[in-house]
Amino acid sequence: MEDRQKRGLELLGQVDGEGGERVIESFSDIAPDVGRYIVEFAFGDIYARKGLKLRDRELATIASLCTQGSCEPQLRVHIQGALNAGLTKTEIIETFIQLIPYVGFPKVLNAISVAKEVLL
């Protein structure tokens, strides 16, 4: 269990820096287990897997959040995480543009609006 926590905190720091810590802390007073799940499961287990580089995981994450819609706070965090993982502004915007034929303009426009907040 401690290995998952350690791995998860390390990867969370690489992706989200202090922002990730703030997200985990924001749940501590009402749902501390949610923060633990994010650290141990999402980052300690899933992000730590071999097979994809961190930048590719973040690319998949921002694409998924865009397609779901109504995930603006998480998208904001992961767009910054994508930059931290090595994606460029152009790659992030092109990812969203690529999704237009599959999810439509409204979701992509919302994602680009969030990207504008983070990137500019």
N, C-alpha and C. Protein backbone atom coordinates (compact mmCIF):
# COMPACT_ATOMS: atom_id res chain seq x y z
N MET A 1 0.82 -1.19 0.00
CA MET A 1 0.00 0.00 0.00
C MET A 1 0.86 1.26 0.00
N GLU A 2 1.89 1.28 0.78
CA GLU A 2 2.76 2.46 0.83
C GLU A 2 3.46 2.69 -0.50
N ASP A 3 3.79 1.61 -1.21
CA ASP A 3 4.42 1.76 -2.53
C ASP A 3 3.49 2.48 -3.50
N ARG A 4 2.21 2.10 -3.47
CA ARG A 4 1.23 2.75 -4.34
C ARG A 4 1.12 4.23 -3.99
N GLN A 5 1.09 4.52 -2.72
CA GLN A 5 1.00 5.91 -2.25
C GLN A 5 2.22 6.70 -2.71
N LYS A 6 3.40 6.13 -2.52
CA LYS A 6 4.65 6.81 -2.88
C LYS A 6 4.72 7.04 -4.39
N ARG A 7 4.45 5.97 -5.18
CA ARG A 7 4.45 6.09 -6.64
C ARG A 7 3.43 7.12 -7.09
N GLY A 8 2.24 7.03 -6.50
CA GLY A 8 1.16 7.93 -6.88
C GLY A 8 1.48 9.38 -6.60
N LEU A 9 2.03 9.66 -5.43
CA LEU A 9 2.39 11.03 -5.09
C LEU A 9 3.48 11.56 -6.01
N GLU A 10 4.44 10.71 -6.34
CA GLU A 10 5.52 11.11 -7.24
C GLU A 10 4.97 11.47 -8.63
N LEU A 11 4.12 10.61 -9.18
CA LEU A 11 3.57 10.86 -10.51
C LEU A 11 2.59 12.03 -10.49
N LEU A 12 1.80 12.14 -9.45
CA LEU A 12 0.90 13.28 -9.31
C LEU A 12 1.70 14.58 -9.31
N GLY A 13 2.81 14.58 -8.62
CA GLY A 13 3.67 15.76 -8.59
C GLY A 13 4.25 16.09 -9.96
N GLN A 14 4.63 15.05 -10.71
CA GLN A 14 5.18 15.28 -12.05
C GLN A 14 4.13 15.87 -12.98
N VAL A 15 2.92 15.39 -12.86
CA VAL A 15 1.85 15.84 -13.76
C VAL A 15 1.27 17.17 -13.31
N ASP A 16 0.90 17.25 -12.05
CA ASP A 16 0.11 18.39 -11.59
C ASP A 16 0.82 19.32 -10.63
N GLY A 17 2.02 18.96 -10.19
CA GLY A 17 2.74 19.83 -9.26
C GLY A 17 1.91 20.14 -8.02
N GLU A 18 1.97 21.37 -7.58
CA GLU A 18 1.22 21.78 -6.39
C GLU A 18 -0.28 21.73 -6.62
N GLY A 19 -0.71 21.86 -7.86
CA GLY A 19 -2.14 21.78 -8.17
C GLY A 19 -2.73 20.45 -7.77
N GLY A 20 -1.98 19.38 -7.98
CA GLY A 20 -2.44 18.05 -7.59
C GLY A 20 -2.59 17.93 -6.09
N GLU A 21 -1.63 18.48 -5.37
CA GLU A 21 -1.71 18.45 -3.91
C GLU A 21 -2.95 19.22 -3.44
N ARG A 22 -3.24 20.35 -4.08
CA ARG A 22 -4.42 21.13 -3.71
C ARG A 22 -5.71 20.36 -3.96
N VAL A 23 -5.75 19.61 -5.06
CA VAL A 23 -6.94 18.81 -5.35
C VAL A 23 -7.14 17.76 -4.27
N ILE A 24 -6.09 17.06 -3.92
CA ILE A 24 -6.18 16.02 -2.88
C ILE A 24 -6.61 16.65 -1.56
N GLU A 25 -6.01 17.76 -1.22
CA GLU A 25 -6.33 18.45 0.03
C GLU A 25 -7.77 18.93 0.04
N SER A 26 -8.31 19.30 -1.10
CA SER A 26 -9.68 19.83 -1.16
C SER A 26 -10.73 18.80 -0.74
N PHE A 27 -10.38 17.53 -0.79
CA PHE A 27 -11.30 16.47 -0.38
C PHE A 27 -11.10 16.03 1.06
N SER A 28 -10.04 16.48 1.70
CA SER A 28 -9.65 15.94 3.01
C SER A 28 -10.70 16.13 4.09
N ASP A 29 -11.48 17.20 4.02
CA ASP A 29 -12.44 17.46 5.07
C ASP A 29 -13.79 16.76 4.87
N ILE A 30 -14.07 16.33 3.64
CA ILE A 30 -15.37 15.72 3.38
C ILE A 30 -15.28 14.30 2.84
N ALA A 31 -14.26 14.01 2.04
CA ALA A 31 -14.13 12.68 1.42
C ALA A 31 -12.66 12.33 1.25
N PRO A 32 -11.94 12.16 2.36
CA PRO A 32 -10.49 11.90 2.25
C PRO A 32 -10.15 10.65 1.45
N ASP A 33 -11.05 9.68 1.43
CA ASP A 33 -10.77 8.47 0.66
C ASP A 33 -10.68 8.76 -0.83
N VAL A 34 -11.43 9.76 -1.31
CA VAL A 34 -11.37 10.11 -2.73
C VAL A 34 -9.96 10.56 -3.10
N GLY A 35 -9.36 11.40 -2.26
CA GLY A 35 -7.98 11.81 -2.49
C GLY A 35 -7.03 10.62 -2.50
N ARG A 36 -7.25 9.70 -1.58
CA ARG A 36 -6.41 8.50 -1.52
C ARG A 36 -6.59 7.66 -2.78
N TYR A 37 -7.81 7.53 -3.28
CA TYR A 37 -8.07 6.77 -4.51
C TYR A 37 -7.35 7.41 -5.70
N ILE A 38 -7.40 8.73 -5.77
CA ILE A 38 -6.71 9.43 -6.86
C ILE A 38 -5.22 9.13 -6.81
N VAL A 39 -4.64 9.25 -5.62
CA VAL A 39 -3.19 9.03 -5.48
C VAL A 39 -2.83 7.57 -5.72
N GLU A 40 -3.48 6.66 -5.00
CA GLU A 40 -3.07 5.26 -5.05
C GLU A 40 -3.51 4.54 -6.32
N PHE A 41 -4.78 4.73 -6.71
CA PHE A 41 -5.27 4.00 -7.87
C PHE A 41 -4.92 4.71 -9.17
N ALA A 42 -5.42 5.93 -9.35
CA ALA A 42 -5.22 6.60 -10.64
C ALA A 42 -3.74 6.81 -10.94
N PHE A 43 -2.99 7.33 -9.97
CA PHE A 43 -1.58 7.62 -10.24
C PHE A 43 -0.66 6.47 -9.83
N GLY A 44 -0.89 5.86 -8.68
CA GLY A 44 -0.01 4.79 -8.20
C GLY A 44 -0.12 3.51 -9.00
N ASP A 45 -1.32 3.23 -9.54
CA ASP A 45 -1.51 2.01 -10.33
C ASP A 45 -1.56 2.30 -11.84
N ILE A 46 -2.47 3.16 -12.26
CA ILE A 46 -2.70 3.36 -13.70
C ILE A 46 -1.59 4.18 -14.35
N TYR A 47 -1.30 5.36 -13.81
CA TYR A 47 -0.26 6.20 -14.41
C TYR A 47 1.12 5.54 -14.32
N ALA A 48 1.32 4.65 -13.37
CA ALA A 48 2.62 4.01 -13.18
C ALA A 48 2.85 2.82 -14.12
N ARG A 49 1.84 2.43 -14.86
CA ARG A 49 1.98 1.28 -15.75
C ARG A 49 3.00 1.55 -16.85
N LYS A 50 3.62 0.51 -17.30
CA LYS A 50 4.52 0.59 -18.45
C LYS A 50 3.66 0.59 -19.71
N GLY A 51 4.22 1.01 -20.81
CA GLY A 51 3.50 0.91 -22.08
C GLY A 51 3.15 2.24 -22.71
N LEU A 52 2.93 3.26 -21.90
CA LEU A 52 2.69 4.60 -22.42
C LEU A 52 3.57 5.58 -21.66
N LYS A 53 4.05 6.57 -22.37
CA LYS A 53 4.79 7.64 -21.71
C LYS A 53 3.79 8.56 -21.02
N LEU A 54 4.26 9.31 -20.07
CA LEU A 54 3.42 10.21 -19.31
C LEU A 54 2.70 11.20 -20.24
N ARG A 55 3.39 11.71 -21.25
CA ARG A 55 2.76 12.66 -22.17
C ARG A 55 1.61 12.01 -22.92
N ASP A 56 1.74 10.73 -23.27
CA ASP A 56 0.68 10.02 -23.98
C ASP A 56 -0.52 9.78 -23.06
N ARG A 57 -0.25 9.51 -21.81
CA ARG A 57 -1.34 9.35 -20.84
C ARG A 57 -2.11 10.65 -20.67
N GLU A 58 -1.40 11.75 -20.63
CA GLU A 58 -2.07 13.05 -20.50
C GLU A 58 -2.83 13.40 -21.77
N LEU A 59 -2.29 13.04 -22.93
CA LEU A 59 -3.01 13.27 -24.19
C LEU A 59 -4.32 12.50 -24.19
N ALA A 60 -4.28 11.25 -23.79
CA ALA A 60 -5.49 10.43 -23.71
C ALA A 60 -6.47 11.02 -22.68
N THR A 61 -5.93 11.52 -21.59
CA THR A 61 -6.78 12.07 -20.54
C THR A 61 -7.50 13.33 -21.00
N ILE A 62 -6.79 14.26 -21.63
CA ILE A 62 -7.47 15.48 -22.06
C ILE A 62 -8.49 15.19 -23.17
N ALA A 63 -8.18 14.22 -24.03
CA ALA A 63 -9.14 13.84 -25.07
C ALA A 63 -10.39 13.24 -24.43
N SER A 64 -10.21 12.39 -23.46
CA SER A 64 -11.35 11.77 -22.78
C SER A 64 -12.19 12.79 -22.05
N LEU A 65 -11.55 13.71 -21.35
CA LEU A 65 -12.29 14.74 -20.62
C LEU A 65 -13.07 15.63 -21.58
N CYS A 66 -12.49 15.92 -22.71
CA CYS A 66 -13.19 16.72 -23.73
C CYS A 66 -14.43 15.98 -24.21
N THR A 67 -14.30 14.70 -24.50
CA THR A 67 -15.42 13.95 -25.05
C THR A 67 -16.54 13.76 -24.02
N GLN A 68 -16.20 13.71 -22.74
CA GLN A 68 -17.23 13.57 -21.71
C GLN A 68 -18.03 14.85 -21.54
N GLY A 69 -17.35 15.99 -21.65
CA GLY A 69 -18.02 17.25 -21.39
C GLY A 69 -18.30 17.44 -19.91
N SER A 70 -18.58 18.64 -19.51
CA SER A 70 -18.89 18.98 -18.11
C SER A 70 -17.78 18.57 -17.15
N CYS A 71 -16.55 18.57 -17.62
CA CYS A 71 -15.39 18.20 -16.80
C CYS A 71 -14.37 19.34 -16.77
N GLU A 72 -14.85 20.56 -16.85
CA GLU A 72 -13.94 21.69 -17.00
C GLU A 72 -12.89 21.79 -15.91
N PRO A 73 -13.24 21.61 -14.62
CA PRO A 73 -12.17 21.69 -13.60
C PRO A 73 -11.08 20.64 -13.79
N GLN A 74 -11.49 19.42 -14.12
CA GLN A 74 -10.51 18.35 -14.34
C GLN A 74 -9.72 18.61 -15.62
N LEU A 75 -10.39 19.11 -16.63
CA LEU A 75 -9.71 19.42 -17.89
C LEU A 75 -8.65 20.50 -17.66
N ARG A 76 -8.99 21.51 -16.87
CA ARG A 76 -8.03 22.58 -16.54
C ARG A 76 -6.77 21.98 -15.92
N VAL A 77 -6.95 21.11 -14.94
CA VAL A 77 -5.81 20.47 -14.26
C VAL A 77 -5.00 19.64 -15.24
N HIS A 78 -5.67 18.89 -16.10
CA HIS A 78 -4.94 17.98 -16.98
C HIS A 78 -4.35 18.67 -18.21
N ILE A 79 -4.88 19.81 -18.61
CA ILE A 79 -4.20 20.58 -19.66
C ILE A 79 -2.86 21.07 -19.11
N GLN A 80 -2.87 21.56 -17.88
CA GLN A 80 -1.60 21.96 -17.25
C GLN A 80 -0.69 20.74 -17.09
N GLY A 81 -1.28 19.61 -16.72
CA GLY A 81 -0.51 18.37 -16.61
C GLY A 81 0.08 17.94 -17.93
N ALA A 82 -0.66 18.14 -19.02
CA ALA A 82 -0.15 17.79 -20.35
C ALA A 82 1.06 18.66 -20.69
N LEU A 83 0.99 19.94 -20.35
CA LEU A 83 2.16 20.80 -20.56
C LEU A 83 3.34 20.31 -19.72
N ASN A 84 3.06 19.98 -18.47
CA ASN A 84 4.12 19.49 -17.57
C ASN A 84 4.73 18.19 -18.08
N ALA A 85 3.93 17.39 -18.77
CA ALA A 85 4.41 16.11 -19.29
C ALA A 85 5.09 16.24 -20.65
N GLY A 86 5.13 17.45 -21.20
CA GLY A 86 5.88 17.66 -22.44
C GLY A 86 5.06 17.95 -23.69
N LEU A 87 3.74 17.96 -23.59
CA LEU A 87 2.94 18.32 -24.75
C LEU A 87 3.05 19.82 -25.00
N THR A 88 2.95 20.20 -26.25
CA THR A 88 3.00 21.62 -26.60
C THR A 88 1.58 22.18 -26.65
N LYS A 89 1.49 23.50 -26.65
CA LYS A 89 0.20 24.15 -26.80
C LYS A 89 -0.46 23.72 -28.11
N THR A 90 0.33 23.66 -29.17
CA THR A 90 -0.19 23.25 -30.47
C THR A 90 -0.75 21.83 -30.42
N GLU A 91 -0.03 20.92 -29.79
CA GLU A 91 -0.51 19.53 -29.70
C GLU A 91 -1.82 19.44 -28.92
N ILE A 92 -1.94 20.22 -27.88
CA ILE A 92 -3.16 20.22 -27.08
C ILE A 92 -4.34 20.72 -27.90
N ILE A 93 -4.17 21.86 -28.57
CA ILE A 93 -5.26 22.41 -29.39
C ILE A 93 -5.58 21.49 -30.55
N GLU A 94 -4.57 20.93 -31.20
CA GLU A 94 -4.81 20.00 -32.32
C GLU A 94 -5.55 18.75 -31.86
N THR A 95 -5.29 18.31 -30.65
CA THR A 95 -6.03 17.17 -30.10
C THR A 95 -7.51 17.48 -30.05
N PHE A 96 -7.84 18.66 -29.56
CA PHE A 96 -9.26 19.04 -29.48
C PHE A 96 -9.86 19.20 -30.87
N ILE A 97 -9.14 19.82 -31.78
CA ILE A 97 -9.65 19.98 -33.16
C ILE A 97 -9.90 18.62 -33.79
N GLN A 98 -9.03 17.66 -33.54
CA GLN A 98 -9.20 16.30 -34.07
C GLN A 98 -10.51 15.67 -33.61
N LEU A 99 -11.00 16.09 -32.47
CA LEU A 99 -12.21 15.49 -31.91
C LEU A 99 -13.51 16.07 -32.48
N ILE A 100 -13.44 17.18 -33.21
CA ILE A 100 -14.66 17.82 -33.72
C ILE A 100 -15.57 16.85 -34.47
N PRO A 101 -15.05 16.05 -35.43
CA PRO A 101 -15.97 15.17 -36.17
C PRO A 101 -16.58 14.05 -35.31
N TYR A 102 -15.97 13.79 -34.17
CA TYR A 102 -16.41 12.65 -33.35
C TYR A 102 -17.31 13.05 -32.19
N VAL A 103 -17.10 14.26 -31.64
CA VAL A 103 -17.90 14.67 -30.48
C VAL A 103 -18.66 15.97 -30.71
N GLY A 104 -18.33 16.67 -31.78
CA GLY A 104 -19.05 17.88 -32.12
C GLY A 104 -18.41 19.16 -31.61
N PHE A 105 -18.89 20.24 -32.17
CA PHE A 105 -18.35 21.55 -31.84
C PHE A 105 -18.57 21.96 -30.39
N PRO A 106 -19.75 21.75 -29.80
CA PRO A 106 -19.95 22.27 -28.43
C PRO A 106 -18.93 21.77 -27.42
N LYS A 107 -18.66 20.48 -27.39
CA LYS A 107 -17.69 19.96 -26.43
C LYS A 107 -16.28 20.45 -26.73
N VAL A 108 -15.94 20.53 -28.00
CA VAL A 108 -14.61 21.01 -28.38
C VAL A 108 -14.46 22.49 -28.06
N LEU A 109 -15.48 23.28 -28.34
CA LEU A 109 -15.41 24.70 -28.01
C LEU A 109 -15.25 24.92 -26.51
N ASN A 110 -15.94 24.12 -25.71
CA ASN A 110 -15.79 24.21 -24.26
C ASN A 110 -14.36 23.86 -23.85
N ALA A 111 -13.81 22.80 -24.44
CA ALA A 111 -12.44 22.39 -24.11
C ALA A 111 -11.43 23.47 -24.52
N ILE A 112 -11.64 24.06 -25.69
CA ILE A 112 -10.72 25.11 -26.15
C ILE A 112 -10.83 26.35 -25.25
N SER A 113 -12.02 26.64 -24.77
CA SER A 113 -12.19 27.76 -23.83
C SER A 113 -11.41 27.52 -22.54
N VAL A 114 -11.44 26.29 -22.04
CA VAL A 114 -10.66 25.95 -20.85
C VAL A 114 -9.17 26.04 -21.19
N ALA A 115 -8.79 25.52 -22.36
CA ALA A 115 -7.38 25.59 -22.77
C ALA A 115 -6.90 27.03 -22.85
N LYS A 116 -7.75 27.90 -23.33
CA LYS A 116 -7.37 29.32 -23.44
C LYS A 116 -7.03 29.89 -22.06
N GLU A 117 -7.81 29.52 -21.04
CA GLU A 117 -7.52 29.97 -19.67
C GLU A 117 -6.14 29.50 -19.20
N VAL A 118 -5.82 28.27 -19.54
CA VAL A 118 -4.56 27.67 -19.07
C VAL A 118 -3.37 28.12 -19.91
N LEU A 119 -3.56 28.19 -21.21
CA LEU A 119 -2.44 28.40 -22.13
C LEU A 119 -2.08 29.87 -22.37
N LEU A 120 -3.03 30.76 -22.17
CA LEU A 120 -2.75 32.18 -22.43
C LEU A 120 -2.64 32.98 -21.16
